């Protein structure tokens, strides 16, 4: 399993290029970048875009670790302290752009399977408006012909725990007795499907990130060659 990357990988790579004798490969691997990106920084094709960020001061790397890497080009730098990511705790739920088109399907599923859940609860869970929910309920939504009810958990719009919580709360408020199916195998199958879908999403995100890095690195390399050709003339 690969280690986490610095909080600001490009800025960190820029600092390491300017302040250490580490190889491009070592810096690229530690920062999670393509080696051509690091080489471009060393050639001043990209470093000017970033203000260097000292990973030692940030606590992500130690000088001892840097010295080990400088003595041995084959040495792989180890993260000293994993950067702390900031999570949202207030405000409306954020849904990635790639998932926003799935919201109507998730809303339709809840309306069909859990009519006791209020519009306010659906809005908070999915991150949508009451107007959208009402349009899907009365089938006046502009894209109603293409809306297919799908479990919002498998769509990645919410967690199973969040969905279960609002359903239980709505059922209690409506005076509905719990009708829980105690089939552990069914639960296991659902969880396995969710994990499979989550793994597929993570793989797709990783592939897109790698492709973007490749494209960016290729563009920098092309710019470098063009600059060299121009200076040669």
Protein backbone atom coordinates (compact mmCIF):
# COMPACT_ATOMS: atom_id res chain seq x y z
CA UNK A 1 0.00 0.00 0.00
CA UNK A 2 1.45 3.36 -1.01
CA UNK A 3 1.94 6.03 1.61
CA UNK A 4 -0.05 9.28 1.62
CA UNK A 5 1.32 12.22 -0.37
CA UNK A 6 2.17 15.64 1.10
CA UNK A 7 -0.67 18.09 1.60
CA UNK A 8 0.71 20.30 -1.22
CA UNK A 9 2.67 17.89 -3.47
CA UNK A 10 3.75 20.36 -6.18
CA UNK A 11 4.89 23.03 -3.73
CA UNK A 12 6.70 20.37 -1.68
CA UNK A 13 8.42 18.99 -4.78
CA UNK A 14 9.50 22.50 -5.75
CA UNK A 15 11.10 23.00 -2.30
CA UNK A 16 12.87 19.63 -2.42
CA UNK A 17 14.26 20.40 -5.89
CA UNK A 18 15.65 23.74 -4.72
CA UNK A 19 16.94 22.68 -1.30
CA UNK A 20 18.10 19.08 -1.50
CA UNK A 21 20.20 16.75 -3.64
CA UNK A 22 17.49 14.12 -3.88
CA UNK A 23 16.95 12.50 -7.27
CA UNK A 24 13.95 13.35 -9.43
CA UNK A 25 12.69 9.79 -8.89
CA UNK A 26 12.84 10.10 -5.10
CA UNK A 27 11.03 13.44 -5.09
CA UNK A 28 8.42 12.27 -7.58
CA UNK A 29 7.64 9.11 -5.61
CA UNK A 30 7.42 10.93 -2.27
CA UNK A 31 5.14 13.64 -3.69
CA UNK A 32 3.05 11.33 -5.84
CA UNK A 33 4.01 13.12 -9.06
CA UNK A 34 5.35 12.10 -12.45
CA UNK A 35 9.11 12.28 -12.73
CA UNK A 36 8.82 14.59 -15.76
CA UNK A 37 6.94 17.10 -13.61
CA UNK A 38 9.82 17.19 -11.15
CA UNK A 39 12.33 17.47 -13.97
CA UNK A 40 10.37 20.38 -15.40
CA UNK A 41 10.56 22.11 -12.01
CA UNK A 42 14.31 21.62 -11.96
CA UNK A 43 14.50 23.15 -15.44
CA UNK A 44 12.44 26.15 -14.25
CA UNK A 45 9.57 25.29 -16.55
CA UNK A 46 7.16 24.77 -13.67
CA UNK A 47 8.77 25.70 -10.35
CA UNK A 48 7.94 29.37 -10.88
CA UNK A 49 4.26 28.40 -10.64
CA UNK A 50 4.63 27.18 -7.08
CA UNK A 51 5.86 28.71 -3.85
CA UNK A 52 8.05 26.09 -2.22
CA UNK A 53 6.61 24.41 0.89
CA UNK A 54 9.09 23.07 3.45
CA UNK A 55 7.97 19.51 4.35
CA UNK A 56 10.36 19.47 7.32
CA UNK A 57 8.68 22.48 8.91
CA UNK A 58 5.30 20.97 8.07
CA UNK A 59 6.31 17.82 9.93
CA UNK A 60 5.84 15.57 6.89
CA UNK A 61 9.55 14.81 6.50
CA UNK A 62 12.67 14.91 8.69
CA UNK A 63 16.19 16.07 7.82
CA UNK A 64 17.48 12.62 8.78
CA UNK A 65 15.17 11.12 6.17
CA UNK A 66 16.37 13.60 3.54
CA UNK A 67 20.02 12.81 4.36
CA UNK A 68 19.34 9.08 3.98
CA UNK A 69 17.88 9.76 0.56
CA UNK A 70 20.78 11.97 -0.51
CA UNK A 71 23.30 9.28 0.47
CA UNK A 72 21.42 6.51 -1.30
CA UNK A 73 19.61 7.34 -4.59
CA UNK A 74 17.68 4.06 -4.30
CA UNK A 75 16.27 4.98 -0.88
CA UNK A 76 12.55 5.67 -0.73
CA UNK A 77 11.59 8.57 1.51
CA UNK A 78 9.14 7.75 4.29
CA UNK A 79 6.43 10.12 5.44
CA UNK A 80 7.09 11.26 9.02
CA UNK A 81 3.58 12.54 9.78
CA UNK A 82 0.51 12.13 7.58
CA UNK A 83 -0.93 15.56 6.65
CA UNK A 84 -4.20 16.43 8.32
CA UNK A 85 -7.03 16.90 5.86
CA UNK A 86 -9.82 19.34 6.56
CA UNK A 87 -13.33 17.91 6.52
CA UNK A 88 -16.57 19.82 6.14
CA UNK A 89 -18.75 19.74 9.24
CA UNK A 90 -21.29 22.45 8.44
CA UNK A 91 -23.30 23.61 5.47
CA UNK A 92 -25.13 21.62 2.77
CA UNK A 93 -23.84 18.26 1.64
CA UNK A 94 -21.34 18.53 -1.21
CA UNK A 95 -21.79 16.11 -4.09
CA UNK A 96 -19.05 15.70 -6.74
CA UNK A 97 -20.03 16.94 -10.20
CA UNK A 98 -19.79 13.39 -11.57
CA UNK A 99 -22.45 12.25 -9.08
CA UNK A 100 -24.94 15.11 -9.37
CA UNK A 101 -26.68 13.51 -12.32
CA UNK A 102 -27.48 10.52 -10.08
CA UNK A 103 -29.38 12.57 -7.50
CA UNK A 104 -32.81 12.29 -9.17
CA UNK A 105 -32.47 8.48 -9.27
CA UNK A 106 -31.63 8.40 -5.56
CA UNK A 107 -34.51 10.73 -4.70
CA UNK A 108 -36.96 8.62 -6.71
CA UNK A 109 -35.80 5.48 -4.87
CA UNK A 110 -36.43 7.02 -1.47
CA UNK A 111 -39.84 8.37 -2.52
CA UNK A 112 -40.85 4.91 -3.77
CA UNK A 113 -39.43 2.80 -0.94
CA UNK A 114 -39.71 5.15 2.03
CA UNK A 115 -42.63 7.55 1.55
CA UNK A 116 -42.58 8.27 5.28
CA UNK A 117 -39.29 10.20 4.91
CA UNK A 118 -39.93 13.96 4.73
CA UNK A 119 -38.74 16.25 1.94
CA UNK A 120 -36.51 18.06 4.43
CA UNK A 121 -34.82 14.79 5.38
CA UNK A 122 -34.33 13.80 1.74
CA UNK A 123 -32.93 17.23 0.94
CA UNK A 124 -30.40 17.02 3.75
CA UNK A 125 -29.41 13.43 2.93
CA UNK A 126 -29.00 13.82 -0.83
CA UNK A 127 -28.14 17.51 -0.94
CA UNK A 128 -31.04 18.73 -3.05
CA UNK A 129 -33.97 21.16 -2.95
CA UNK A 130 -37.64 20.65 -2.06
CA UNK A 131 -38.64 21.86 -5.52
CA UNK A 132 -36.63 19.08 -7.14
CA UNK A 133 -38.13 16.47 -4.80
CA UNK A 134 -41.66 17.73 -5.49
CA UNK A 135 -41.05 17.68 -9.25
CA UNK A 136 -39.91 14.06 -9.09
CA UNK A 137 -42.83 13.09 -6.86
CA UNK A 138 -45.49 14.57 -9.15
CA UNK A 139 -43.51 13.54 -12.26
CA UNK A 140 -43.17 17.09 -13.56
CA UNK A 141 -39.37 16.96 -13.52
CA UNK A 142 -37.87 17.99 -16.88
CA UNK A 143 -35.98 14.69 -17.16
CA UNK A 144 -38.58 12.39 -15.59
CA UNK A 145 -38.50 9.99 -18.56
CA UNK A 146 -34.88 9.13 -17.81
CA UNK A 147 -35.12 8.92 -14.01
CA UNK A 148 -34.80 5.36 -12.68
CA UNK A 149 -35.12 4.72 -8.92
CA UNK A 150 -31.76 3.54 -7.59
CA UNK A 151 -30.48 3.03 -4.05
CA UNK A 152 -28.65 6.27 -3.08
CA UNK A 153 -26.13 4.20 -1.10
CA UNK A 154 -24.99 2.21 -4.14
CA UNK A 155 -24.91 5.47 -6.10
CA UNK A 156 -22.49 6.88 -3.56
CA UNK A 157 -24.80 9.76 -2.56
CA UNK A 158 -24.92 8.79 1.13
CA UNK A 159 -23.85 6.04 3.50
CA UNK A 160 -26.00 3.12 4.57
CA UNK A 161 -25.85 4.36 8.16
CA UNK A 162 -27.14 7.80 7.17
CA UNK A 163 -29.99 6.31 5.16
CA UNK A 164 -30.96 3.88 7.92
CA UNK A 165 -30.93 6.71 10.46
CA UNK A 166 -33.39 8.95 8.60
CA UNK A 167 -35.64 6.01 7.72
CA UNK A 168 -35.77 4.92 11.37
CA UNK A 169 -36.44 8.48 12.53
CA UNK A 170 -39.20 8.97 9.96
CA UNK A 171 -40.78 5.61 10.79
CA UNK A 172 -40.80 6.40 14.50
CA UNK A 173 -42.38 9.78 13.88
CA UNK A 174 -45.03 8.23 11.64
CA UNK A 175 -45.75 5.49 14.19
CA UNK A 176 -44.65 2.74 11.83
CA UNK A 177 -43.45 -0.47 13.51
CA UNK A 178 -40.00 -1.57 12.55
CA UNK A 179 -40.15 -4.32 9.98
CA UNK A 180 -36.51 -5.25 9.83
CA UNK A 181 -35.59 -8.31 7.83
CA UNK A 182 -33.01 -10.16 9.88
CA UNK A 183 -31.25 -11.75 6.95
CA UNK A 184 -27.53 -11.34 7.61
CA UNK A 185 -26.64 -12.75 4.23
CA UNK A 186 -28.64 -10.01 2.50
CA UNK A 187 -26.87 -7.37 4.56
CA UNK A 188 -23.49 -8.87 3.73
CA UNK A 189 -24.35 -8.90 0.03
CA UNK A 190 -25.37 -5.24 0.17
CA UNK A 191 -22.16 -4.28 1.97
CA UNK A 192 -20.08 -6.26 -0.51
CA UNK A 193 -21.77 -4.47 -3.41
CA UNK A 194 -21.17 -1.09 -1.79
CA UNK A 195 -17.49 -1.91 -1.24
CA UNK A 196 -17.17 -3.07 -4.85
CA UNK A 197 -18.71 0.13 -6.18
CA UNK A 198 -16.54 2.24 -3.88
CA UNK A 199 -13.42 0.43 -5.11
CA UNK A 200 -14.45 1.04 -8.72
CA UNK A 201 -14.95 4.76 -8.03
CA UNK A 202 -11.56 5.04 -6.33
CA UNK A 203 -9.87 3.23 -9.23
CA UNK A 204 -11.53 5.57 -11.73
CA UNK A 205 -10.44 8.64 -9.77
CA UNK A 206 -6.87 7.33 -9.54
CA UNK A 207 -6.77 6.57 -13.27
CA UNK A 208 -8.06 10.05 -14.12
CA UNK A 209 -5.47 11.63 -11.83
CA UNK A 210 -2.64 9.64 -13.38
CA UNK A 211 -3.83 10.52 -16.88
CA UNK A 212 -3.94 14.21 -15.97
CA UNK A 213 -0.42 14.06 -14.55
CA UNK A 214 0.82 12.32 -17.70
CA UNK A 215 -0.80 14.97 -19.90
CA UNK A 216 0.57 17.83 -17.80
CA UNK A 217 4.05 16.33 -17.78
CA UNK A 218 3.95 15.76 -21.55
CA UNK A 219 2.90 19.37 -22.08
CA UNK A 220 5.79 20.63 -19.93
CA UNK A 221 8.24 18.39 -21.79
CA UNK A 222 6.95 19.65 -25.14
CA UNK A 223 7.34 23.24 -23.94
CA UNK A 224 10.89 22.50 -22.84
CA UNK A 225 11.80 21.00 -26.21
CA UNK A 226 10.24 23.95 -28.01
CA UNK A 227 12.24 26.38 -25.82
CA UNK A 228 15.45 24.45 -26.48
CA UNK A 229 14.79 24.41 -30.20
CA UNK A 230 14.09 28.12 -30.20
CA UNK A 231 17.26 28.91 -28.25
CA UNK A 232 19.25 26.68 -30.60
CA UNK A 233 18.09 28.70 -33.57
